[in-house]
C-alpha atoms as a PDB file:
ATOM      1  CA  MET A   1      32.010   5.098   6.002  1.00  0.00           C
ATOM      2  CA  LYS A   2      28.789   5.706   6.925  1.00  0.00           C
ATOM      3  CA  THR A   3      27.445   8.592   6.076  1.00  0.00           C
ATOM      4  CA  ARG A   4      23.745   9.787   7.661  1.00  0.00           C
ATOM      5  CA  LEU A   5      20.590   9.227   6.120  1.00  0.00           C
ATOM      6  CA  THR A   6      18.864  12.289   7.532  1.00  0.00           C
ATOM      7  CA  ASP A   7      19.811  15.823   7.828  1.00  0.00           C
ATOM      8  CA  LYS A   8      18.710  18.238  10.734  1.00  0.00           C
ATOM      9  CA  ASP A   9      15.756  18.264   9.850  1.00  0.00           C
ATOM     10  CA  GLY A  10      14.798  14.351   9.669  1.00  0.00           C
ATOM     11  CA  GLU A  11      14.619  14.323   5.635  1.00  0.00           C
ATOM     12  CA  VAL A  12      16.326  12.225   3.849  1.00  0.00           C
ATOM     13  CA  ARG A  13      18.751  12.237   1.789  1.00  0.00           C
ATOM     14  CA  GLU A  14      19.160  11.246  -1.969  1.00  0.00           C
ATOM     15  CA  LEU A  15      20.198   7.283  -1.962  1.00  0.00           C
ATOM     16  CA  THR A  16      24.050   6.128  -2.883  1.00  0.00           C
ATOM     17  CA  ASP A  17      24.883   2.969  -4.323  1.00  0.00           C
ATOM     18  CA  ALA A  18      26.797   2.905  -1.002  1.00  0.00           C
ATOM     19  CA  ASP A  19      24.156   3.462   1.296  1.00  0.00           C
ATOM     20  CA  VAL A  20      21.568   0.348  -1.176  1.00  0.00           C
ATOM     21  CA  LYS A  21      25.276  -2.442  -0.634  1.00  0.00           C
ATOM     22  CA  ARG A  22      25.568  -1.174   3.132  1.00  0.00           C
ATOM     23  CA  MET A  23      21.026  -2.458   3.157  1.00  0.00           C
ATOM     24  CA  ARG A  24      20.353  -5.859   5.246  1.00  0.00           C
ATOM     25  CA  PRO A  25      16.673  -7.609   5.044  1.00  0.00           C
ATOM     26  CA  MET A  26      13.997  -6.605   7.941  1.00  0.00           C
ATOM     27  CA  SER A  27      14.799 -10.400   8.978  1.00  0.00           C
ATOM     28  CA  GLU A  28      18.121  -9.247   9.893  1.00  0.00           C
ATOM     29  CA  VAL A  29      17.578  -6.793  11.444  1.00  0.00           C
ATOM     30  CA  LEU A  30      13.907  -6.328  13.052  1.00  0.00           C
ATOM     31  CA  PRO A  31      13.048  -8.025  15.888  1.00  0.00           C
ATOM     32  CA  VAL A  32      10.246 -11.075  14.160  1.00  0.00           C
ATOM     33  CA  ASN A  33       7.089  -9.217  16.336  1.00  0.00           C
ATOM     34  CA  LEU A  34       7.670  -5.687  13.984  1.00  0.00           C
ATOM     35  CA  GLN A  35       8.233  -7.623  10.722  1.00  0.00           C
ATOM     36  CA  ARG A  36       4.751  -9.112  10.600  1.00  0.00           C
ATOM     37  CA  THR A  37       3.411  -5.755  11.056  1.00  0.00           C
ATOM     38  CA  ILE A  38       5.523  -3.319   8.657  1.00  0.00           C
ATOM     39  CA  GLY A  39       3.516  -2.827   5.474  1.00  0.00           C
ATOM     40  CA  GLN A  40       0.083  -3.640   7.225  1.00  0.00           C
ATOM     41  CA  ARG A  41      -2.766  -2.069   7.818  1.00  0.00           C
ATOM     42  CA  GLY A  42      -4.863  -2.595  11.349  1.00  0.00           C
ATOM     43  CA  LYS A  43      -8.121  -4.763  11.188  1.00  0.00           C
ATOM     44  CA  GLN A  44     -10.987  -2.042  10.169  1.00  0.00           C
ATOM     45  CA  HIS A  45     -13.548  -2.788  12.732  1.00  0.00           C
ATOM     46  CA  ALA A  46     -16.294  -1.089  10.676  1.00  0.00           C
ATOM     47  CA  PRO A  47     -14.936  -0.259   7.646  1.00  0.00           C
ATOM     48  CA  THR A  48     -16.123   3.758   6.125  1.00  0.00           C
ATOM     49  CA  LYS A  49     -14.714   3.392   2.327  1.00  0.00           C
ATOM     50  CA  VAL A  50     -15.195   1.443  -0.248  1.00  0.00           C
ATOM     51  CA  LYS A  51     -11.752   0.506  -2.231  1.00  0.00           C
ATOM     52  CA  THR A  52     -13.416   1.342  -5.894  1.00  0.00           C
ATOM     53  CA  SER A  53     -10.866   1.576  -9.425  1.00  0.00           C
ATOM     54  CA  ILE A  54     -12.282   5.408 -11.759  1.00  0.00           C
ATOM     55  CA  ARG A  55     -10.735   6.870 -13.614  1.00  0.00           C
ATOM     56  CA  LEU A  56     -10.066  10.265 -13.728  1.00  0.00           C
ATOM     57  CA  SER A  57      -8.857  13.215 -16.313  1.00  0.00           C
ATOM     58  CA  GLN A  58      -4.801  13.425 -16.607  1.00  0.00           C
ATOM     59  CA  GLU A  59      -5.576  17.462 -15.301  1.00  0.00           C
ATOM     60  CA  VAL A  60      -7.592  16.531 -12.264  1.00  0.00           C
ATOM     61  CA  VAL A  61      -4.786  13.913 -10.763  1.00  0.00           C
ATOM     62  CA  GLU A  62      -2.377  16.800 -12.055  1.00  0.00           C
ATOM     63  CA  HIS A  63      -4.326  19.312  -9.701  1.00  0.00           C
ATOM     64  CA  PHE A  64      -4.669  17.529  -6.255  1.00  0.00           C
ATOM     65  CA  LYS A  65      -1.058  15.404  -6.532  1.00  0.00           C
ATOM     66  CA  ALA A  66       0.087  19.036  -6.881  1.00  0.00           C
ATOM     67  CA  GLU A  67      -1.520  19.908  -3.774  1.00  0.00           C
ATOM     68  CA  GLY A  68       0.617  16.922  -1.767  1.00  0.00           C
ATOM     69  CA  GLU A  69      -0.071  14.346   0.179  1.00  0.00           C
ATOM     70  CA  GLY A  70      -3.071  13.366   0.705  1.00  0.00           C
ATOM     71  CA  TRP A  71      -5.152  13.749  -2.441  1.00  0.00           C
ATOM     72  CA  GLN A  72      -6.998  10.693  -2.776  1.00  0.00           C
ATOM     73  CA  ARG A  73      -9.073  11.943   0.345  1.00  0.00           C
ATOM     74  CA  ARG A  74      -9.398  15.517  -1.216  1.00  0.00           C
ATOM     75  CA  ILE A  75     -10.709  14.163  -4.447  1.00  0.00           C
ATOM     76  CA  ASP A  76     -13.384  12.490  -2.077  1.00  0.00           C
ATOM     77  CA  GLN A  77     -14.069  15.797  -0.581  1.00  0.00           C
ATOM     78  CA  ALA A  78     -14.387  17.063  -3.368  1.00  0.00           C
ATOM     79  CA  LEU A  79     -16.887  14.526  -4.482  1.00  0.00           C
ATOM     80  CA  LYS A  80     -18.882  14.692  -1.325  1.00  0.00           C
ATOM     81  CA  GLN A  81     -19.031  18.430  -1.453  1.00  0.00           C
ATOM     82  CA  TYR A  82     -20.258  18.068  -5.157  1.00  0.00           C
ATOM     83  CA  ILE A  83     -23.005  15.671  -3.307  1.00  0.00           C
ATOM     84  CA  ARG A  84     -24.314  18.925  -1.149  1.00  0.00           C
ATOM     85  CA  GLU A  85     -24.523  20.896  -3.247  1.00  0.00           C
ATOM     86  CA  HIS A  86     -26.819  19.183  -5.970  1.00  0.00           C
ATOM     87  CA  GLY A  87     -28.087  17.235  -3.670  1.00  0.00           C
ATOM     88  CA  HIS A  88     -28.708  12.919  -4.251  1.00  0.00           C
ATOM     89  CA  SER A  89     -30.948  12.499  -7.231  1.00  0.00           C
END
């Protein structure tokens, strides 16, 4: 028996073991041209950000993650605000 994976609002329900067993590899269900684009970012013609690694306190990370998706962007915005308020030394 096939059960819908989403409710009337489009929210995905928790997957069951039966759902997982029915899954098939992407190569069996998607055209090749679409397979190549899944999980890949487009070319950045003019990168605006620098990839870095930074250690933050658990308190800071939890605070920004609690506000939901986009938490890294919000940390970036908070740091930009700090620069505006304290100037470039």
